[in-house]
Amino acid sequence: MITHLNIIHMKGNDWKDRLNIVYSTNRDFEYESYNEEEEETLPKDQQKLRVSIEKKGRGGKTVTLIKGFVGTEDDLKELAKSLKSQCGVGGTAKEGEIIIQGEFKQRIIDILKAKGYTQTK
């Protein structure tokens, strides 16, 4: 018989934030959250971005990859949004990598250098 159930109230109460959480009947139980701290975004001239073309594992579709971004997820998504709109195509950004649909390697290198990302190759 459960006499007491500690329920953790999380910000926003989003069910995804509670995945893999074990609930306890112990009254002295304290939930510890280990949040990864986001890296601070490096200045544009210190970012070492690498632009490449890839086809493998994408159903024959060509994509342009931009790797090596160091910074917050919001800054990465903002840069991806800018690149997608300037190329007029779709894409995504996650885990320090931007994927742009299509073959735009030289165009993206030119755009990034114009934005101040001087160490782009």
C-alpha atoms as a PDB file:
ATOM      1  CA  MET A   1       0.000   0.000   0.000  1.00  0.00           C
ATOM      2  CA  ILE A   2       1.385   3.394  -0.978  1.00  0.00           C
ATOM      3  CA  THR A   3       0.930   5.950   1.763  1.00  0.00           C
ATOM      4  CA  HIS A   4       2.787   8.867   0.263  1.00  0.00           C
ATOM      5  CA  LEU A   5       3.903   9.609  -3.272  1.00  0.00           C
ATOM      6  CA  ASN A   6       6.384  12.387  -3.924  1.00  0.00           C
ATOM      7  CA  ILE A   7       5.439  14.148  -7.123  1.00  0.00           C
ATOM      8  CA  ILE A   8       7.932  16.481  -8.695  1.00  0.00           C
ATOM      9  CA  HIS A   9       6.526  19.704 -10.057  1.00  0.00           C
ATOM     10  CA  MET A  10       8.585  20.737 -13.041  1.00  0.00           C
ATOM     11  CA  LYS A  11       8.605  24.014 -14.907  1.00  0.00           C
ATOM     12  CA  GLY A  12       5.886  23.928 -17.552  1.00  0.00           C
ATOM     13  CA  ASN A  13       4.869  20.418 -16.417  1.00  0.00           C
ATOM     14  CA  ASP A  14       5.836  19.005 -19.818  1.00  0.00           C
ATOM     15  CA  TRP A  15       5.621  15.199 -19.867  1.00  0.00           C
ATOM     16  CA  LYS A  16       8.819  15.000 -21.956  1.00  0.00           C
ATOM     17  CA  ASP A  17      10.759  16.505 -19.047  1.00  0.00           C
ATOM     18  CA  ARG A  18       9.599  13.638 -16.833  1.00  0.00           C
ATOM     19  CA  LEU A  19      10.717  10.764 -19.060  1.00  0.00           C
ATOM     20  CA  ASN A  20      12.984   8.300 -17.280  1.00  0.00           C
ATOM     21  CA  ILE A  21      12.168   9.722 -13.829  1.00  0.00           C
ATOM     22  CA  VAL A  22      11.604   7.212 -11.082  1.00  0.00           C
ATOM     23  CA  TYR A  23       8.980   8.209  -8.523  1.00  0.00           C
ATOM     24  CA  SER A  24       9.512   7.202  -4.925  1.00  0.00           C
ATOM     25  CA  THR A  25       7.325   6.352  -1.986  1.00  0.00           C
ATOM     26  CA  ASN A  26      10.113   7.437   0.362  1.00  0.00           C
ATOM     27  CA  ARG A  27       9.128  10.656   2.159  1.00  0.00           C
ATOM     28  CA  ASP A  28      12.782  11.757   2.363  1.00  0.00           C
ATOM     29  CA  PHE A  29      13.360  11.385  -1.377  1.00  0.00           C
ATOM     30  CA  GLU A  30      14.711  14.491  -3.119  1.00  0.00           C
ATOM     31  CA  TYR A  31      14.848  14.711  -6.875  1.00  0.00           C
ATOM     32  CA  GLU A  32      18.139  15.959  -8.289  1.00  0.00           C
ATOM     33  CA  SER A  33      18.238  17.414 -11.750  1.00  0.00           C
ATOM     34  CA  TYR A  34      21.470  17.508 -13.701  1.00  0.00           C
ATOM     35  CA  ASN A  35      21.056  20.194 -16.305  1.00  0.00           C
ATOM     36  CA  GLU A  36      23.789  20.450 -18.859  1.00  0.00           C
ATOM     37  CA  GLU A  37      25.014  23.990 -19.099  1.00  0.00           C
ATOM     38  CA  GLU A  38      24.957  25.328 -22.621  1.00  0.00           C
ATOM     39  CA  GLU A  39      28.238  26.503 -23.977  1.00  0.00           C
ATOM     40  CA  GLU A  40      28.578  30.213 -24.426  1.00  0.00           C
ATOM     41  CA  THR A  41      28.574  31.211 -28.088  1.00  0.00           C
ATOM     42  CA  LEU A  42      32.028  31.993 -29.399  1.00  0.00           C
ATOM     43  CA  PRO A  43      32.547  35.247 -31.326  1.00  0.00           C
ATOM     44  CA  LYS A  44      32.026  34.891 -35.078  1.00  0.00           C
ATOM     45  CA  ASP A  45      35.719  35.287 -35.909  1.00  0.00           C
ATOM     46  CA  GLN A  46      36.622  32.396 -33.553  1.00  0.00           C
ATOM     47  CA  GLN A  47      34.050  29.932 -34.946  1.00  0.00           C
ATOM     48  CA  LYS A  48      35.739  27.199 -37.016  1.00  0.00           C
ATOM     49  CA  LEU A  49      32.884  26.201 -39.302  1.00  0.00           C
ATOM     50  CA  ARG A  50      33.332  23.464 -41.901  1.00  0.00           C
ATOM     51  CA  VAL A  51      30.983  23.313 -44.887  1.00  0.00           C
ATOM     52  CA  SER A  52      30.600  20.043 -46.813  1.00  0.00           C
ATOM     53  CA  ILE A  53      28.251  18.235 -49.205  1.00  0.00           C
ATOM     54  CA  GLU A  54      26.713  14.876 -48.262  1.00  0.00           C
ATOM     55  CA  LYS A  55      24.449  12.378 -50.045  1.00  0.00           C
ATOM     56  CA  LYS A  56      24.860   9.166 -48.034  1.00  0.00           C
ATOM     57  CA  GLY A  57      21.911   7.995 -45.957  1.00  0.00           C
ATOM     58  CA  ARG A  58      19.578  10.688 -47.255  1.00  0.00           C
ATOM     59  CA  GLY A  59      17.655   8.795 -49.906  1.00  0.00           C
ATOM     60  CA  GLY A  60      19.827  10.145 -52.717  1.00  0.00           C
ATOM     61  CA  LYS A  61      19.146  13.756 -51.748  1.00  0.00           C
ATOM     62  CA  THR A  62      22.061  16.162 -51.537  1.00  0.00           C
ATOM     63  CA  VAL A  63      22.479  18.327 -48.440  1.00  0.00           C
ATOM     64  CA  THR A  64      25.014  20.911 -47.353  1.00  0.00           C
ATOM     65  CA  LEU A  65      26.362  20.374 -43.813  1.00  0.00           C
ATOM     66  CA  ILE A  66      27.803  23.127 -41.637  1.00  0.00           C
ATOM     67  CA  LYS A  67      29.688  21.614 -38.681  1.00  0.00           C
ATOM     68  CA  GLY A  68      31.723  23.008 -35.819  1.00  0.00           C
ATOM     69  CA  PHE A  69      29.399  25.663 -34.379  1.00  0.00           C
ATOM     70  CA  VAL A  70      30.155  26.290 -30.705  1.00  0.00           C
ATOM     71  CA  GLY A  71      27.396  28.038 -28.804  1.00  0.00           C
ATOM     72  CA  THR A  72      23.821  27.966 -27.623  1.00  0.00           C
ATOM     73  CA  GLU A  73      21.093  26.068 -29.435  1.00  0.00           C
ATOM     74  CA  ASP A  74      19.195  29.335 -29.986  1.00  0.00           C
ATOM     75  CA  ASP A  75      22.165  30.970 -31.728  1.00  0.00           C
ATOM     76  CA  LEU A  76      22.617  27.867 -33.890  1.00  0.00           C
ATOM     77  CA  LYS A  77      18.958  27.921 -34.921  1.00  0.00           C
ATOM     78  CA  GLU A  78      19.133  31.642 -35.645  1.00  0.00           C
ATOM     79  CA  LEU A  79      22.131  31.138 -37.955  1.00  0.00           C
ATOM     80  CA  ALA A  80      20.387  28.201 -39.660  1.00  0.00           C
ATOM     81  CA  LYS A  81      17.253  30.275 -40.216  1.00  0.00           C
ATOM     82  CA  SER A  82      19.304  33.024 -41.812  1.00  0.00           C
ATOM     83  CA  LEU A  83      21.141  30.594 -44.117  1.00  0.00           C
ATOM     84  CA  LYS A  84      17.933  28.825 -45.133  1.00  0.00           C
ATOM     85  CA  SER A  85      16.210  32.080 -46.033  1.00  0.00           C
ATOM     86  CA  GLN A  86      19.202  33.387 -47.996  1.00  0.00           C
ATOM     87  CA  CYS A  87      19.402  30.133 -49.983  1.00  0.00           C
ATOM     88  CA  GLY A  88      15.613  29.852 -50.332  1.00  0.00           C
ATOM     89  CA  VAL A  89      15.514  26.239 -49.106  1.00  0.00           C
ATOM     90  CA  GLY A  90      14.643  24.187 -46.044  1.00  0.00           C
ATOM     91  CA  GLY A  91      16.883  22.606 -43.473  1.00  0.00           C
ATOM     92  CA  THR A  92      17.422  21.975 -39.785  1.00  0.00           C
ATOM     93  CA  ALA A  93      19.802  22.711 -36.925  1.00  0.00           C
ATOM     94  CA  LYS A  94      20.706  20.447 -34.016  1.00  0.00           C
ATOM     95  CA  GLU A  95      23.693  19.351 -31.947  1.00  0.00           C
ATOM     96  CA  GLY A  96      26.099  21.946 -33.340  1.00  0.00           C
ATOM     97  CA  GLU A  97      25.304  21.067 -36.948  1.00  0.00           C
ATOM     98  CA  ILE A  98      23.232  22.808 -39.618  1.00  0.00           C
ATOM     99  CA  ILE A  99      21.748  20.838 -42.511  1.00  0.00           C
ATOM    100  CA  ILE A 100      20.667  22.811 -45.594  1.00  0.00           C
ATOM    101  CA  GLN A 101      18.717  21.023 -48.344  1.00  0.00           C
ATOM    102  CA  GLY A 102      20.531  21.122 -51.663  1.00  0.00           C
ATOM    103  CA  GLU A 103      24.064  21.779 -52.856  1.00  0.00           C
ATOM    104  CA  PHE A 104      25.035  25.292 -51.700  1.00  0.00           C
ATOM    105  CA  LYS A 105      28.598  24.858 -50.432  1.00  0.00           C
ATOM    106  CA  GLN A 106      30.249  27.883 -52.052  1.00  0.00           C
ATOM    107  CA  ARG A 107      27.215  30.123 -51.574  1.00  0.00           C
ATOM    108  CA  ILE A 108      27.066  29.290 -47.852  1.00  0.00           C
ATOM    109  CA  ILE A 109      30.815  29.846 -47.426  1.00  0.00           C
ATOM    110  CA  ASP A 110      30.418  33.284 -49.044  1.00  0.00           C
ATOM    111  CA  ILE A 111      27.418  34.139 -46.838  1.00  0.00           C
ATOM    112  CA  LEU A 112      29.201  33.032 -43.648  1.00  0.00           C
ATOM    113  CA  LYS A 113      32.342  35.028 -44.493  1.00  0.00           C
ATOM    114  CA  ALA A 114      30.195  38.098 -45.202  1.00  0.00           C
ATOM    115  CA  LYS A 115      28.570  37.634 -41.763  1.00  0.00           C
ATOM    116  CA  GLY A 116      31.991  37.637 -40.082  1.00  0.00           C
ATOM    117  CA  TYR A 117      32.713  33.909 -39.766  1.00  0.00           C
ATOM    118  CA  THR A 118      36.266  34.339 -41.097  1.00  0.00           C
ATOM    119  CA  GLN A 119      37.541  30.815 -40.282  1.00  0.00           C
ATOM    120  CA  THR A 120      35.012  29.089 -42.525  1.00  0.00           C
ATOM    121  CA  LYS A 121      36.219  26.417 -44.981  1.00  0.00           C
END
